[in-house]
Amino acid sequence: MLNAAPSTEAATALLTGLAPDGTLLLCGYDATPLTLPSQPMVLNRLHVMASPSGSPHDLRDTLAFSARHGILRRVTSIGLDEAPAALEAMGAGPGG
């Protein structure tokens, strides 16, 4: 899961949506320290990585890699009124 929102709090909240062996990639953050809950991290073998947003060159390389390997984005557009249900579904995990 990728967090691009400029909010450490949002990144922490995303952990509940990760499946076992999932990875959270932080590209957005603020000045708040990142605090992660140890038990779910260990029991679900979760990973957290961080990366700067990247340059236009990085973006070109990423898009070329995606095209070369047939990687397609998976996006579900929702309205703000649907956000609470979407967050709840993410917290429930796959099929939940």
PDB file of N, CA and C in Angstrom:
ATOM      1  N   MET A   1       0.847  -1.147   0.000  1.00  0.00           N
ATOM      2  CA  MET A   1       0.000   0.000   0.000  1.00  0.00           C
ATOM      3  C   MET A   1       0.907   1.229   0.000  1.00  0.00           C
ATOM      4  N   LEU A   2       0.517   2.226  -0.750  1.00  0.00           N
ATOM      5  CA  LEU A   2       1.306   3.444  -0.876  1.00  0.00           C
ATOM      6  C   LEU A   2       0.598   4.589  -0.172  1.00  0.00           C
ATOM      7  N   ASN A   3       1.318   5.287   0.696  1.00  0.00           N
ATOM      8  CA  ASN A   3       0.790   6.491   1.325  1.00  0.00           C
ATOM      9  C   ASN A   3       1.471   7.699   0.701  1.00  0.00           C
ATOM     10  N   ALA A   4       0.704   8.466  -0.059  1.00  0.00           N
ATOM     11  CA  ALA A   4       1.239   9.685  -0.658  1.00  0.00           C
ATOM     12  C   ALA A   4       0.717  10.924   0.061  1.00  0.00           C
ATOM     13  N   ALA A   5      -0.214  10.743   0.992  1.00  0.00           N
ATOM     14  CA  ALA A   5      -0.766  11.879   1.738  1.00  0.00           C
ATOM     15  C   ALA A   5       0.318  12.458   2.636  1.00  0.00           C
ATOM     16  N   PRO A   6       0.393  13.772   2.736  1.00  0.00           N
ATOM     17  CA  PRO A   6       1.423  14.390   3.585  1.00  0.00           C
ATOM     18  C   PRO A   6       1.033  14.324   5.061  1.00  0.00           C
ATOM     19  N   SER A   7       0.810  13.104   5.557  1.00  0.00           N
ATOM     20  CA  SER A   7       0.332  12.920   6.923  1.00  0.00           C
ATOM     21  C   SER A   7       0.874  11.618   7.500  1.00  0.00           C
ATOM     22  N   THR A   8       1.644  11.721   8.562  1.00  0.00           N
ATOM     23  CA  THR A   8       2.142  10.535   9.251  1.00  0.00           C
ATOM     24  C   THR A   8       0.983   9.792   9.895  1.00  0.00           C
ATOM     25  N   GLU A   9       0.001  10.517  10.397  1.00  0.00           N
ATOM     26  CA  GLU A   9      -1.178   9.890  11.011  1.00  0.00           C
ATOM     27  C   GLU A   9      -1.921   9.022   9.992  1.00  0.00           C
ATOM     28  N   ALA A  10      -2.060   9.514   8.774  1.00  0.00           N
ATOM     29  CA  ALA A  10      -2.723   8.729   7.724  1.00  0.00           C
ATOM     30  C   ALA A  10      -1.933   7.464   7.426  1.00  0.00           C
ATOM     31  N   ALA A  11      -0.624   7.569   7.399  1.00  0.00           N
ATOM     32  CA  ALA A  11       0.220   6.398   7.126  1.00  0.00           C
ATOM     33  C   ALA A  11       0.034   5.346   8.211  1.00  0.00           C
ATOM     34  N   THR A  12       0.000   5.756   9.469  1.00  0.00           N
ATOM     35  CA  THR A  12      -0.186   4.821  10.575  1.00  0.00           C
ATOM     36  C   THR A  12      -1.539   4.125  10.466  1.00  0.00           C
ATOM     37  N   ALA A  13      -2.567   4.864  10.084  1.00  0.00           N
ATOM     38  CA  ALA A  13      -3.910   4.292   9.955  1.00  0.00           C
ATOM     39  C   ALA A  13      -3.966   3.237   8.852  1.00  0.00           C
ATOM     40  N   LEU A  14      -3.132   3.364   7.833  1.00  0.00           N
ATOM     41  CA  LEU A  14      -3.146   2.411   6.724  1.00  0.00           C
ATOM     42  C   LEU A  14      -2.666   1.016   7.122  1.00  0.00           C
ATOM     43  N   LEU A  15      -1.918   0.916   8.204  1.00  0.00           N
ATOM     44  CA  LEU A  15      -1.411  -0.391   8.621  1.00  0.00           C
ATOM     45  C   LEU A  15      -2.529  -1.405   8.824  1.00  0.00           C
ATOM     46  N   THR A  16      -3.688  -0.950   9.276  1.00  0.00           N
ATOM     47  CA  THR A  16      -4.791  -1.878   9.531  1.00  0.00           C
ATOM     48  C   THR A  16      -5.322  -2.481   8.225  1.00  0.00           C
ATOM     49  N   GLY A  17      -5.024  -1.875   7.102  1.00  0.00           N
ATOM     50  CA  GLY A  17      -5.486  -2.383   5.820  1.00  0.00           C
ATOM     51  C   GLY A  17      -4.527  -3.331   5.136  1.00  0.00           C
ATOM     52  N   LEU A  18      -3.359  -3.541   5.734  1.00  0.00           N
ATOM     53  CA  LEU A  18      -2.369  -4.426   5.109  1.00  0.00           C
ATOM     54  C   LEU A  18      -2.665  -5.891   5.408  1.00  0.00           C
ATOM     55  N   ALA A  19      -2.551  -6.713   4.385  1.00  0.00           N
ATOM     56  CA  ALA A  19      -2.659  -8.163   4.554  1.00  0.00           C
ATOM     57  C   ALA A  19      -1.351  -8.678   5.147  1.00  0.00           C
ATOM     58  N   PRO A  20      -1.345  -9.886   5.714  1.00  0.00           N
ATOM     59  CA  PRO A  20      -0.081 -10.456   6.186  1.00  0.00           C
ATOM     60  C   PRO A  20       0.975 -10.415   5.079  1.00  0.00           C
ATOM     61  N   ASP A  21       2.193 -10.120   5.465  1.00  0.00           N
ATOM     62  CA  ASP A  21       3.339  -9.934   4.576  1.00  0.00           C
ATOM     63  C   ASP A  21       3.211  -8.682   3.719  1.00  0.00           C
ATOM     64  N   GLY A  22       2.278  -7.796   4.049  1.00  0.00           N
ATOM     65  CA  GLY A  22       2.073  -6.561   3.289  1.00  0.00           C
ATOM     66  C   GLY A  22       3.164  -5.533   3.555  1.00  0.00           C
ATOM     67  N   THR A  23       3.266  -4.596   2.634  1.00  0.00           N
ATOM     68  CA  THR A  23       4.256  -3.519   2.741  1.00  0.00           C
ATOM     69  C   THR A  23       3.565  -2.177   2.621  1.00  0.00           C
ATOM     70  N   LEU A  24       3.907  -1.270   3.499  1.00  0.00           N
ATOM     71  CA  LEU A  24       3.442   0.112   3.440  1.00  0.00           C
ATOM     72  C   LEU A  24       4.613   0.957   2.957  1.00  0.00           C
ATOM     73  N   LEU A  25       4.412   1.665   1.862  1.00  0.00           N
ATOM     74  CA  LEU A  25       5.452   2.537   1.313  1.00  0.00           C
ATOM     75  C   LEU A  25       5.072   3.981   1.598  1.00  0.00           C
ATOM     76  N   LEU A  26       5.922   4.676   2.331  1.00  0.00           N
ATOM     77  CA  LEU A  26       5.681   6.072   2.683  1.00  0.00           C
ATOM     78  C   LEU A  26       6.354   6.991   1.675  1.00  0.00           C
ATOM     79  N   CYS A  27       5.540   7.728   0.951  1.00  0.00           N
ATOM     80  CA  CYS A  27       6.052   8.770   0.063  1.00  0.00           C
ATOM     81  C   CYS A  27       5.589  10.134   0.561  1.00  0.00           C
ATOM     82  N   GLY A  28       4.617  10.130   1.445  1.00  0.00           N
ATOM     83  CA  GLY A  28       4.119  11.364   2.041  1.00  0.00           C
ATOM     84  C   GLY A  28       4.267  11.274   3.544  1.00  0.00           C
ATOM     85  N   TYR A  29       4.509  12.400   4.189  1.00  0.00           N
ATOM     86  CA  TYR A  29       4.717  12.425   5.632  1.00  0.00           C
ATOM     87  C   TYR A  29       4.643  13.859   6.113  1.00  0.00           C
ATOM     88  N   ASP A  30       4.648  14.030   7.424  1.00  0.00           N
ATOM     89  CA  ASP A  30       4.765  15.352   8.021  1.00  0.00           C
ATOM     90  C   ASP A  30       5.836  15.276   9.108  1.00  0.00           C
ATOM     91  N   ALA A  31       5.903  16.266   9.971  1.00  0.00           N
ATOM     92  CA  ALA A  31       6.969  16.313  10.975  1.00  0.00           C
ATOM     93  C   ALA A  31       6.688  15.435  12.197  1.00  0.00           C
ATOM     94  N   THR A  32       5.511  14.832  12.267  1.00  0.00           N
ATOM     95  CA  THR A  32       5.157  13.972  13.391  1.00  0.00           C
ATOM     96  C   THR A  32       5.953  12.672  13.333  1.00  0.00           C
ATOM     97  N   PRO A  33       6.508  12.229  14.469  1.00  0.00           N
ATOM     98  CA  PRO A  33       7.224  10.947  14.459  1.00  0.00           C
ATOM     99  C   PRO A  33       6.280   9.791  14.118  1.00  0.00           C
ATOM    100  N   LEU A  34       6.781   8.831  13.392  1.00  0.00           N
ATOM    101  CA  LEU A  34       6.004   7.657  13.015  1.00  0.00           C
ATOM    102  C   LEU A  34       6.084   6.637  14.150  1.00  0.00           C
ATOM    103  N   THR A  35       4.931   6.271  14.703  1.00  0.00           N
ATOM    104  CA  THR A  35       4.856   5.275  15.771  1.00  0.00           C
ATOM    105  C   THR A  35       4.063   4.090  15.243  1.00  0.00           C
ATOM    106  N   LEU A  36       4.669   2.912  15.290  1.00  0.00           N
ATOM    107  CA  LEU A  36       4.043   1.714  14.739  1.00  0.00           C
ATOM    108  C   LEU A  36       3.746   0.714  15.843  1.00  0.00           C
ATOM    109  N   PRO A  37       2.588   0.053  15.781  1.00  0.00           N
ATOM    110  CA  PRO A  37       2.246  -0.949  16.792  1.00  0.00           C
ATOM    111  C   PRO A  37       3.021  -2.256  16.555  1.00  0.00           C
ATOM    112  N   SER A  38       3.815  -2.664  17.522  1.00  0.00           N
ATOM    113  CA  SER A  38       4.694  -3.823  17.350  1.00  0.00           C
ATOM    114  C   SER A  38       3.949  -5.130  17.129  1.00  0.00           C
ATOM    115  N   GLN A  39       2.919  -5.405  17.920  1.00  0.00           N
ATOM    116  CA  GLN A  39       2.274  -6.711  17.852  1.00  0.00           C
ATOM    117  C   GLN A  39       1.740  -7.040  16.459  1.00  0.00           C
ATOM    118  N   PRO A  40       0.893  -6.183  15.842  1.00  0.00           N
ATOM    119  CA  PRO A  40       0.438  -6.532  14.494  1.00  0.00           C
ATOM    120  C   PRO A  40       1.570  -6.547  13.470  1.00  0.00           C
ATOM    121  N   MET A  41       2.580  -5.703  13.677  1.00  0.00           N
ATOM    122  CA  MET A  41       3.716  -5.689  12.758  1.00  0.00           C
ATOM    123  C   MET A  41       4.422  -7.052  12.766  1.00  0.00           C
ATOM    124  N   VAL A  42       4.656  -7.589  13.963  1.00  0.00           N
ATOM    125  CA  VAL A  42       5.370  -8.860  14.088  1.00  0.00           C
ATOM    126  C   VAL A  42       4.481 -10.035  13.687  1.00  0.00           C
ATOM    127  N   LEU A  43       3.270 -10.087  14.236  1.00  0.00           N
ATOM    128  CA  LEU A  43       2.396 -11.231  13.985  1.00  0.00           C
ATOM    129  C   LEU A  43       1.994 -11.358  12.517  1.00  0.00           C
ATOM    130  N   ASN A  44       1.880 -10.226  11.811  1.00  0.00           N
ATOM    131  CA  ASN A  44       1.480 -10.254  10.401  1.00  0.00           C
ATOM    132  C   ASN A  44       2.657 -10.070   9.446  1.00  0.00           C
ATOM    133  N   ARG A  45       3.873 -10.018   9.991  1.00  0.00           N
ATOM    134  CA  ARG A  45       5.080  -9.869   9.172  1.00  0.00           C
ATOM    135  C   ARG A  45       4.964  -8.670   8.232  1.00  0.00           C
ATOM    136  N   LEU A  46       4.564  -7.531   8.790  1.00  0.00           N
ATOM    137  CA  LEU A  46       4.369  -6.331   7.976  1.00  0.00           C
ATOM    138  C   LEU A  46       5.689  -5.613   7.759  1.00  0.00           C
ATOM    139  N   HIS A  47       5.770  -4.897   6.640  1.00  0.00           N
ATOM    140  CA  HIS A  47       6.973  -4.156   6.271  1.00  0.00           C
ATOM    141  C   HIS A  47       6.594  -2.695   6.054  1.00  0.00           C
ATOM    142  N   VAL A  48       7.500  -1.803   6.440  1.00  0.00           N
ATOM    143  CA  VAL A  48       7.317  -0.376   6.187  1.00  0.00           C
ATOM    144  C   VAL A  48       8.579   0.136   5.510  1.00  0.00           C
ATOM    145  N   MET A  49       8.387   0.819   4.396  1.00  0.00           N
ATOM    146  CA  MET A  49       9.498   1.402   3.647  1.00  0.00           C
ATOM    147  C   MET A  49       9.204   2.874   3.419  1.00  0.00           C
ATOM    148  N   ALA A  50      10.219   3.638   3.149  1.00  0.00           N
ATOM    149  CA  ALA A  50      10.043   5.053   2.852  1.00  0.00           C
ATOM    150  C   ALA A  50      10.875   5.415   1.635  1.00  0.00           C
ATOM    151  N   SER A  51      10.349   6.356   0.856  1.00  0.00           N
ATOM    152  CA  SER A  51      11.041   6.781  -0.347  1.00  0.00           C
ATOM    153  C   SER A  51      10.645   8.223  -0.646  1.00  0.00           C
ATOM    154  N   PRO A  52      11.587   9.026  -1.072  1.00  0.00           N
ATOM    155  CA  PRO A  52      11.192  10.376  -1.496  1.00  0.00           C
ATOM    156  C   PRO A  52      10.348  10.280  -2.763  1.00  0.00           C
ATOM    157  N   SER A  53       9.637  11.318  -3.056  1.00  0.00           N
ATOM    158  CA  SER A  53       8.717  11.305  -4.196  1.00  0.00           C
ATOM    159  C   SER A  53       9.402  10.978  -5.507  1.00  0.00           C
ATOM    160  N   GLY A  54      10.609  11.405  -5.675  1.00  0.00           N
ATOM    161  CA  GLY A  54      11.321  11.098  -6.908  1.00  0.00           C
ATOM    162  C   GLY A  54      11.317  12.258  -7.889  1.00  0.00           C
ATOM    163  N   SER A  55      12.183  12.147  -8.837  1.00  0.00           N
ATOM    164  CA  SER A  55      12.350  13.174  -9.859  1.00  0.00           C
ATOM    165  C   SER A  55      11.526  12.816 -11.089  1.00  0.00           C
ATOM    166  N   PRO A  56      11.405  13.713 -12.055  1.00  0.00           N
ATOM    167  CA  PRO A  56      10.749  13.357 -13.315  1.00  0.00           C
ATOM    168  C   PRO A  56      11.428  12.165 -13.991  1.00  0.00           C
ATOM    169  N   HIS A  57      12.758  12.061 -13.845  1.00  0.00           N
ATOM    170  CA  HIS A  57      13.491  10.924 -14.406  1.00  0.00           C
ATOM    171  C   HIS A  57      13.032   9.621 -13.750  1.00  0.00           C
ATOM    172  N   ASP A  58      12.870   9.635 -12.407  1.00  0.00           N
ATOM    173  CA  ASP A  58      12.386   8.452 -11.693  1.00  0.00           C
ATOM    174  C   ASP A  58      11.000   8.060 -12.175  1.00  0.00           C
ATOM    175  N   LEU A  59      10.147   9.039 -12.392  1.00  0.00           N
ATOM    176  CA  LEU A  59       8.789   8.771 -12.855  1.00  0.00           C
ATOM    177  C   LEU A  59       8.809   8.120 -14.239  1.00  0.00           C
ATOM    178  N   ARG A  60       9.636   8.644 -15.143  1.00  0.00           N
ATOM    179  CA  ARG A  60       9.760   8.042 -16.476  1.00  0.00           C
ATOM    180  C   ARG A  60      10.210   6.591 -16.372  1.00  0.00           C
ATOM    181  N   ASP A  61      11.216   6.319 -15.519  1.00  0.00           N
ATOM    182  CA  ASP A  61      11.711   4.958 -15.342  1.00  0.00           C
ATOM    183  C   ASP A  61      10.626   4.044 -14.778  1.00  0.00           C
ATOM    184  N   THR A  62       9.870   4.547 -13.825  1.00  0.00           N
ATOM    185  CA  THR A  62       8.800   3.757 -13.216  1.00  0.00           C
ATOM    186  C   THR A  62       7.725   3.423 -14.235  1.00  0.00           C
ATOM    187  N   LEU A  63       7.315   4.404 -15.009  1.00  0.00           N
ATOM    188  CA  LEU A  63       6.293   4.159 -16.027  1.00  0.00           C
ATOM    189  C   LEU A  63       6.791   3.205 -17.109  1.00  0.00           C
ATOM    190  N   ALA A  64       8.046   3.341 -17.506  1.00  0.00           N
ATOM    191  CA  ALA A  64       8.614   2.435 -18.509  1.00  0.00           C
ATOM    192  C   ALA A  64       8.673   1.006 -17.966  1.00  0.00           C
ATOM    193  N   PHE A  65       9.078   0.853 -16.711  1.00  0.00           N
ATOM    194  CA  PHE A  65       9.126  -0.460 -16.085  1.00  0.00           C
ATOM    195  C   PHE A  65       7.728  -1.080 -16.044  1.00  0.00           C
ATOM    196  N   SER A  66       6.741  -0.293 -15.645  1.00  0.00           N
ATOM    197  CA  SER A  66       5.359  -0.773 -15.561  1.00  0.00           C
ATOM    198  C   SER A  66       4.850  -1.210 -16.929  1.00  0.00           C
ATOM    199  N   ALA A  67       5.122  -0.421 -17.953  1.00  0.00           N
ATOM    200  CA  ALA A  67       4.680  -0.767 -19.310  1.00  0.00           C
ATOM    201  C   ALA A  67       5.378  -2.044 -19.795  1.00  0.00           C
ATOM    202  N   ARG A  68       6.660  -2.150 -19.536  1.00  0.00           N
ATOM    203  CA  ARG A  68       7.439  -3.304 -19.988  1.00  0.00           C
ATOM    204  C   ARG A  68       6.962  -4.604 -19.329  1.00  0.00           C
ATOM    205  N   HIS A  69       6.488  -4.516 -18.084  1.00  0.00           N
ATOM    206  CA  HIS A  69       6.088  -5.706 -17.336  1.00  0.00           C
ATOM    207  C   HIS A  69       4.576  -5.869 -17.217  1.00  0.00           C
ATOM    208  N   GLY A  70       3.831  -5.049 -17.938  1.00  0.00           N
ATOM    209  CA  GLY A  70       2.375  -5.180 -17.936  1.00  0.00           C
ATOM    210  C   GLY A  70       1.735  -4.879 -16.593  1.00  0.00           C
ATOM    211  N   ILE A  71       2.354  -4.012 -15.815  1.00  0.00           N
ATOM    212  CA  ILE A  71       1.809  -3.654 -14.504  1.00  0.00           C
ATOM    213  C   ILE A  71       0.775  -2.555 -14.693  1.00  0.00           C
ATOM    214  N   LEU A  72      -0.434  -2.848 -14.270  1.00  0.00           N
ATOM    215  CA  LEU A  72      -1.527  -1.884 -14.392  1.00  0.00           C
ATOM    216  C   LEU A  72      -1.952  -1.420 -13.010  1.00  0.00           C
ATOM    217  N   ARG A  73      -2.344  -0.185 -12.921  1.00  0.00           N
ATOM    218  CA  ARG A  73      -2.797   0.335 -11.648  1.00  0.00           C
ATOM    219  C   ARG A  73      -4.170  -0.218 -11.334  1.00  0.00           C
ATOM    220  N   ARG A  74      -4.463  -0.312 -10.067  1.00  0.00           N
ATOM    221  CA  ARG A  74      -5.785  -0.733  -9.621  1.00  0.00           C
ATOM    222  C   ARG A  74      -6.326   0.382  -8.739  1.00  0.00           C
ATOM    223  N   VAL A  75      -7.260   1.132  -9.280  1.00  0.00           N
ATOM    224  CA  VAL A  75      -7.789   2.298  -8.585  1.00  0.00           C
ATOM    225  C   VAL A  75      -9.297   2.166  -8.494  1.00  0.00           C
ATOM    226  N   THR A  76      -9.814   2.434  -7.322  1.00  0.00           N
ATOM    227  CA  THR A  76     -11.251   2.488  -7.129  1.00  0.00           C
ATOM    228  C   THR A  76     -11.584   3.900  -6.698  1.00  0.00           C
ATOM    229  N   SER A  77     -12.271   4.626  -7.549  1.00  0.00           N
ATOM    230  CA  SER A  77     -12.645   6.002  -7.220  1.00  0.00           C
ATOM    231  C   SER A  77     -13.878   5.982  -6.329  1.00  0.00           C
ATOM    232  N   ILE A  78     -13.829   6.786  -5.269  1.00  0.00           N
ATOM    233  CA  ILE A  78     -14.968   6.907  -4.366  1.00  0.00           C
ATOM    234  C   ILE A  78     -15.177   8.374  -4.036  1.00  0.00           C
ATOM    235  N   GLY A  79     -16.379   8.698  -3.638  1.00  0.00           N
ATOM    236  CA  GLY A  79     -16.678  10.055  -3.176  1.00  0.00           C
ATOM    237  C   GLY A  79     -16.339  10.184  -1.702  1.00  0.00           C
ATOM    238  N   LEU A  80     -16.235  11.398  -1.215  1.00  0.00           N
ATOM    239  CA  LEU A  80     -15.914  11.609   0.191  1.00  0.00           C
ATOM    240  C   LEU A  80     -16.940  10.970   1.114  1.00  0.00           C
ATOM    241  N   ASP A  81     -18.192  10.932   0.693  1.00  0.00           N
ATOM    242  CA  ASP A  81     -19.223  10.326   1.533  1.00  0.00           C
ATOM    243  C   ASP A  81     -19.028   8.816   1.675  1.00  0.00           C
ATOM    244  N   GLU A  82     -18.268   8.198   0.774  1.00  0.00           N
ATOM    245  CA  GLU A  82     -18.001   6.762   0.830  1.00  0.00           C
ATOM    246  C   GLU A  82     -16.705   6.435   1.578  1.00  0.00           C
ATOM    247  N   ALA A  83     -15.947   7.457   1.968  1.00  0.00           N
ATOM    248  CA  ALA A  83     -14.644   7.240   2.599  1.00  0.00           C
ATOM    249  C   ALA A  83     -14.733   6.434   3.895  1.00  0.00           C
ATOM    250  N   PRO A  84     -15.672   6.718   4.807  1.00  0.00           N
ATOM    251  CA  PRO A  84     -15.715   5.915   6.043  1.00  0.00           C
ATOM    252  C   PRO A  84     -15.921   4.423   5.769  1.00  0.00           C
ATOM    253  N   ALA A  85     -16.798   4.073   4.838  1.00  0.00           N
ATOM    254  CA  ALA A  85     -17.032   2.666   4.516  1.00  0.00           C
ATOM    255  C   ALA A  85     -15.789   2.050   3.875  1.00  0.00           C
ATOM    256  N   ALA A  86     -15.090   2.809   3.033  1.00  0.00           N
ATOM    257  CA  ALA A  86     -13.871   2.299   2.395  1.00  0.00           C
ATOM    258  C   ALA A  86     -12.788   2.023   3.447  1.00  0.00           C
ATOM    259  N   LEU A  87     -12.621   2.923   4.408  1.00  0.00           N
ATOM    260  CA  LEU A  87     -11.640   2.714   5.476  1.00  0.00           C
ATOM    261  C   LEU A  87     -12.013   1.505   6.329  1.00  0.00           C
ATOM    262  N   GLU A  88     -13.289   1.333   6.603  1.00  0.00           N
ATOM    263  CA  GLU A  88     -13.746   0.189   7.378  1.00  0.00           C
ATOM    264  C   GLU A  88     -13.453  -1.110   6.627  1.00  0.00           C
ATOM    265  N   ALA A  89     -13.717  -1.118   5.326  1.00  0.00           N
ATOM    266  CA  ALA A  89     -13.437  -2.307   4.512  1.00  0.00           C
ATOM    267  C   ALA A  89     -11.950  -2.619   4.476  1.00  0.00           C
ATOM    268  N   MET A  90     -11.106  -1.588   4.388  1.00  0.00           N
ATOM    269  CA  MET A  90      -9.665  -1.798   4.407  1.00  0.00           C
ATOM    270  C   MET A  90      -9.227  -2.409   5.731  1.00  0.00           C
ATOM    271  N   GLY A  91      -9.821  -1.926   6.824  1.00  0.00           N
ATOM    272  CA  GLY A  91      -9.479  -2.447   8.151  1.00  0.00           C
ATOM    273  C   GLY A  91      -9.913  -3.885   8.336  1.00  0.00           C
ATOM    274  N   ALA A  92     -10.974  -4.289   7.643  1.00  0.00           N
ATOM    275  CA  ALA A  92     -11.474  -5.667   7.747  1.00  0.00           C
ATOM    276  C   ALA A  92     -10.589  -6.647   6.973  1.00  0.00           C
ATOM    277  N   GLY A  93      -9.800  -6.133   6.037  1.00  0.00           N
ATOM    278  CA  GLY A  93      -8.906  -6.988   5.275  1.00  0.00           C
ATOM    279  C   GLY A  93      -9.611  -7.618   4.074  1.00  0.00           C
ATOM    280  N   PRO A  94      -8.904  -8.510   3.355  1.00  0.00           N
ATOM    281  CA  PRO A  94      -9.449  -9.132   2.151  1.00  0.00           C
ATOM    282  C   PRO A  94     -10.747  -9.886   2.439  1.00  0.00           C
ATOM    283  N   GLY A  95     -11.732  -9.645   1.589  1.00  0.00           N
ATOM    284  CA  GLY A  95     -13.007 -10.346   1.698  1.00  0.00           C
ATOM    285  C   GLY A  95     -13.856  -9.891   2.864  1.00  0.00           C
ATOM    286  N   GLY A  96     -13.364  -8.866   3.616  1.00  0.00           N
ATOM    287  CA  GLY A  96     -14.078  -8.459   4.825  1.00  0.00           C
ATOM    288  C   GLY A  96     -14.964  -7.337   4.531  1.00  0.00           C
TER     289      GLY A  96
END
